[in-house]
C-alpha atoms as a PDB file:
ATOM      1  CA  MET A   1      94.724 123.738  82.198  1.00  0.00           C
ATOM      2  CA  LYS A   2      96.121 124.559  85.399  1.00  0.00           C
ATOM      3  CA  VAL A   3      94.673 124.873  89.136  1.00  0.00           C
ATOM      4  CA  THR A   4      94.700 127.840  91.064  1.00  0.00           C
ATOM      5  CA  PRO A   5      94.606 128.063  94.622  1.00  0.00           C
ATOM      6  CA  GLU A   6      91.218 129.467  94.580  1.00  0.00           C
ATOM      7  CA  LYS A   7      89.714 126.766  92.300  1.00  0.00           C
ATOM      8  CA  ASN A   8      91.185 124.395  95.091  1.00  0.00           C
ATOM      9  CA  GLU A   9      89.502 126.121  97.838  1.00  0.00           C
ATOM     10  CA  GLN A  10      86.125 126.453  95.773  1.00  0.00           C
ATOM     11  CA  VAL A  11      86.300 123.150  95.454  1.00  0.00           C
ATOM     12  CA  ALA A  12      87.484 122.015  99.228  1.00  0.00           C
ATOM     13  CA  LYS A  13      84.055 124.708 100.132  1.00  0.00           C
ATOM     14  CA  MET A  14      81.773 122.890  98.216  1.00  0.00           C
ATOM     15  CA  ILE A  15      79.300 120.610 100.727  1.00  0.00           C
ATOM     16  CA  PHE A  16      79.551 117.012  99.594  1.00  0.00           C
ATOM     17  CA  GLY A  17      75.833 115.881 100.262  1.00  0.00           C
ATOM     18  CA  SER A  18      75.118 118.690  97.938  1.00  0.00           C
ATOM     19  CA  ILE A  19      77.131 117.261  95.088  1.00  0.00           C
ATOM     20  CA  TYR A  20      76.017 113.704  95.744  1.00  0.00           C
ATOM     21  CA  PRO A  21      72.628 113.594  94.689  1.00  0.00           C
ATOM     22  CA  LEU A  22      73.944 115.261  91.283  1.00  0.00           C
ATOM     23  CA  TYR A  23      76.102 112.217  91.093  1.00  0.00           C
ATOM     24  CA  LEU A  24      73.763 109.675  91.460  1.00  0.00           C
ATOM     25  CA  ASN A  25      71.369 111.414  88.809  1.00  0.00           C
ATOM     26  CA  ARG A  26      73.802 111.077  86.458  1.00  0.00           C
ATOM     27  CA  LEU A  27      74.025 107.273  86.819  1.00  0.00           C
ATOM     28  CA  VAL A  28      70.444 106.507  87.176  1.00  0.00           C
ATOM     29  CA  LYS A  29      69.770 107.904  83.541  1.00  0.00           C
ATOM     30  CA  ASN A  30      72.985 105.728  82.341  1.00  0.00           C
ATOM     31  CA  GLY A  31      71.299 102.922  84.248  1.00  0.00           C
ATOM     32  CA  ARG A  32      73.432 102.440  87.267  1.00  0.00           C
ATOM     33  CA  THR A  33      72.387 102.261  91.102  1.00  0.00           C
ATOM     34  CA  LYS A  34      73.012 104.035  94.116  1.00  0.00           C
ATOM     35  CA  GLU A  35      74.609 100.901  95.160  1.00  0.00           C
ATOM     36  CA  GLU A  36      77.349 101.074  92.730  1.00  0.00           C
ATOM     37  CA  LEU A  37      78.317 104.850  93.099  1.00  0.00           C
ATOM     38  CA  ASP A  38      78.703 104.250  96.633  1.00  0.00           C
ATOM     39  CA  GLN A  39      80.875 100.711  95.909  1.00  0.00           C
ATOM     40  CA  VAL A  40      83.080 103.129  93.850  1.00  0.00           C
ATOM     41  CA  ILE A  41      83.164 105.936  96.454  1.00  0.00           C
ATOM     42  CA  THR A  42      83.675 103.867  99.532  1.00  0.00           C
ATOM     43  CA  TRP A  43      86.699 102.233  97.156  1.00  0.00           C
ATOM     44  CA  PHE A  44      87.857 105.311  96.645  1.00  0.00           C
ATOM     45  CA  THR A  45      88.049 106.807 100.084  1.00  0.00           C
ATOM     46  CA  GLY A  46      87.867 103.974 102.767  1.00  0.00           C
ATOM     47  CA  TYR A  47      84.949 104.822 103.966  1.00  0.00           C
ATOM     48  CA  ASP A  48      82.425 102.279 105.146  1.00  0.00           C
ATOM     49  CA  GLN A  49      78.553 102.633 104.287  1.00  0.00           C
ATOM     50  CA  LYS A  50      77.656 104.235 107.397  1.00  0.00           C
ATOM     51  CA  THR A  51      80.329 106.872 107.329  1.00  0.00           C
ATOM     52  CA  LEU A  52      79.038 107.555 103.789  1.00  0.00           C
ATOM     53  CA  GLN A  53      75.826 107.772 104.765  1.00  0.00           C
ATOM     54  CA  ALA A  54      76.440 110.510 107.389  1.00  0.00           C
ATOM     55  CA  HIS A  55      78.507 112.311 105.277  1.00  0.00           C
ATOM     56  CA  ILE A  56      76.056 112.375 102.598  1.00  0.00           C
ATOM     57  CA  GLU A  57      73.317 113.358 105.118  1.00  0.00           C
ATOM     58  CA  GLY A  58      75.599 115.732 106.671  1.00  0.00           C
ATOM     59  CA  ASN A  59      77.509 119.480 106.031  1.00  0.00           C
ATOM     60  CA  ILE A  60      80.405 118.105 105.561  1.00  0.00           C
ATOM     61  CA  THR A  61      82.624 119.913 102.944  1.00  0.00           C
ATOM     62  CA  PHE A  62      85.078 118.188 100.356  1.00  0.00           C
ATOM     63  CA  GLY A  63      87.917 119.352 102.019  1.00  0.00           C
ATOM     64  CA  SER A  64      87.133 117.877 105.348  1.00  0.00           C
ATOM     65  CA  PHE A  65      85.488 115.119 103.821  1.00  0.00           C
ATOM     66  CA  PHE A  66      89.117 114.228 101.362  1.00  0.00           C
ATOM     67  CA  GLN A  67      91.231 114.703 104.716  1.00  0.00           C
ATOM     68  CA  LYS A  68      88.979 112.131 107.070  1.00  0.00           C
ATOM     69  CA  ALA A  69      89.407 109.761 104.273  1.00  0.00           C
ATOM     70  CA  LYS A  70      91.854 106.943 103.674  1.00  0.00           C
ATOM     71  CA  ILE A  71      92.485 107.556  99.884  1.00  0.00           C
ATOM     72  CA  HIS A  72      93.212 103.878  98.154  1.00  0.00           C
ATOM     73  CA  ARG A  73      96.584 103.024  97.594  1.00  0.00           C
ATOM     74  CA  ASN A  74      95.844 102.510  94.138  1.00  0.00           C
ATOM     75  CA  ALA A  75      94.484 105.975  93.766  1.00  0.00           C
ATOM     76  CA  HIS A  76      97.661 106.878  91.675  1.00  0.00           C
ATOM     77  CA  MET A  77      96.567 104.961  88.825  1.00  0.00           C
ATOM     78  CA  ILE A  78      93.488 106.683  88.298  1.00  0.00           C
ATOM     79  CA  LYS A  79      94.457 108.998  85.317  1.00  0.00           C
ATOM     80  CA  GLY A  80      92.982 110.892  82.205  1.00  0.00           C
ATOM     81  CA  VAL A  81      90.858 114.160  81.643  1.00  0.00           C
ATOM     82  CA  VAL A  82      88.028 115.165  83.840  1.00  0.00           C
ATOM     83  CA  CYS A  83      86.893 119.034  83.021  1.00  0.00           C
ATOM     84  CA  GLY A  84      89.380 119.676  81.033  1.00  0.00           C
ATOM     85  CA  TYR A  85      92.138 118.831  83.793  1.00  0.00           C
ATOM     86  CA  ARG A  86      94.547 116.029  83.109  1.00  0.00           C
ATOM     87  CA  ILE A  87      94.372 114.307  86.248  1.00  0.00           C
ATOM     88  CA  GLU A  88      97.685 112.903  86.782  1.00  0.00           C
ATOM     89  CA  GLU A  89      99.308 116.914  86.229  1.00  0.00           C
ATOM     90  CA  ILE A  90      97.155 118.257  89.155  1.00  0.00           C
ATOM     91  CA  GLU A  91     100.145 120.090  91.441  1.00  0.00           C
ATOM     92  CA  GLU A  92     100.073 117.708  94.816  1.00  0.00           C
ATOM     93  CA  GLU A  93      99.634 121.073  96.472  1.00  0.00           C
ATOM     94  CA  PHE A  94      96.145 121.164  95.266  1.00  0.00           C
ATOM     95  CA  GLU A  95      95.411 117.513  96.749  1.00  0.00           C
ATOM     96  CA  THR A  96      91.876 118.625  97.512  1.00  0.00           C
ATOM     97  CA  TYR A  97      91.016 119.367  93.714  1.00  0.00           C
ATOM     98  CA  LYS A  98      92.875 116.198  92.519  1.00  0.00           C
ATOM     99  CA  GLN A  99      91.017 113.503  94.813  1.00  0.00           C
ATOM    100  CA  CYS A 100      87.946 115.298  93.619  1.00  0.00           C
ATOM    101  CA  ARG A 101      88.433 114.584  90.236  1.00  0.00           C
ATOM    102  CA  GLN A 102      89.693 111.498  90.591  1.00  0.00           C
ATOM    103  CA  MET A 103      86.738 110.421  92.469  1.00  0.00           C
ATOM    104  CA  GLU A 104      84.807 112.099  89.278  1.00  0.00           C
ATOM    105  CA  LYS A 105      86.895 110.148  87.046  1.00  0.00           C
ATOM    106  CA  LEU A 106      85.880 106.894  88.117  1.00  0.00           C
ATOM    107  CA  ILE A 107      82.141 108.024  88.328  1.00  0.00           C
ATOM    108  CA  ASP A 108      82.351 109.452  85.160  1.00  0.00           C
ATOM    109  CA  GLU A 109      83.953 105.944  84.015  1.00  0.00           C
ATOM    110  CA  LEU A 110      80.525 104.295  85.903  1.00  0.00           C
ATOM    111  CA  ALA A 111      78.409 106.440  84.332  1.00  0.00           C
ATOM    112  CA  ARG A 112      79.642 105.126  80.419  1.00  0.00           C
ATOM    113  CA  GLY A 113      79.230 101.586  81.342  1.00  0.00           C
ATOM    114  CA  ARG A 114      82.782 100.667  81.908  1.00  0.00           C
ATOM    115  CA  LYS A 115      83.102  97.341  84.258  1.00  0.00           C
ATOM    116  CA  MET A 116      82.903  97.494  88.499  1.00  0.00           C
ATOM    117  CA  GLU A 117      86.509  95.574  87.852  1.00  0.00           C
ATOM    118  CA  LYS A 118      88.289  97.894  86.061  1.00  0.00           C
ATOM    119  CA  ILE A 119      86.938 101.281  87.738  1.00  0.00           C
ATOM    120  CA  LEU A 120      88.234  99.756  91.323  1.00  0.00           C
ATOM    121  CA  ARG A 121      91.843  99.872  89.887  1.00  0.00           C
ATOM    122  CA  GLN A 122      93.966  96.607  90.697  1.00  0.00           C
ATOM    123  CA  GLU A 123      97.969  96.700  90.660  1.00  0.00           C
ATOM    124  CA  LYS A 124      98.937  94.199  88.012  1.00  0.00           C
ATOM    125  CA  LYS A 125     101.120  90.947  89.084  1.00  0.00           C
END
């Protein structure tokens, strides 16, 4: 599937704090914890726990959330299909949409029981 400018804008306008509880509920149902969710998000975004919590409680949009983030240098290693979109095929012009799908891929892997050391991608030495 192809990302459209409209879809990118729609995701950019969503409020992070309204989506976070949906991520958390899914993970808790699968035996994972808030701490694990926060670990994945802080790894991906570079936010510390205090800043992440402020974004959860605030009205920050996904667009601003990702603009202010320092996306992990290994984010390019996040590949696969999320919601019908192959992450590595999403064009750079739709950066917000791509980053949202990358984060959702990490959360999906967490929900499926993947080990944290596999989720938090490391360069092979």
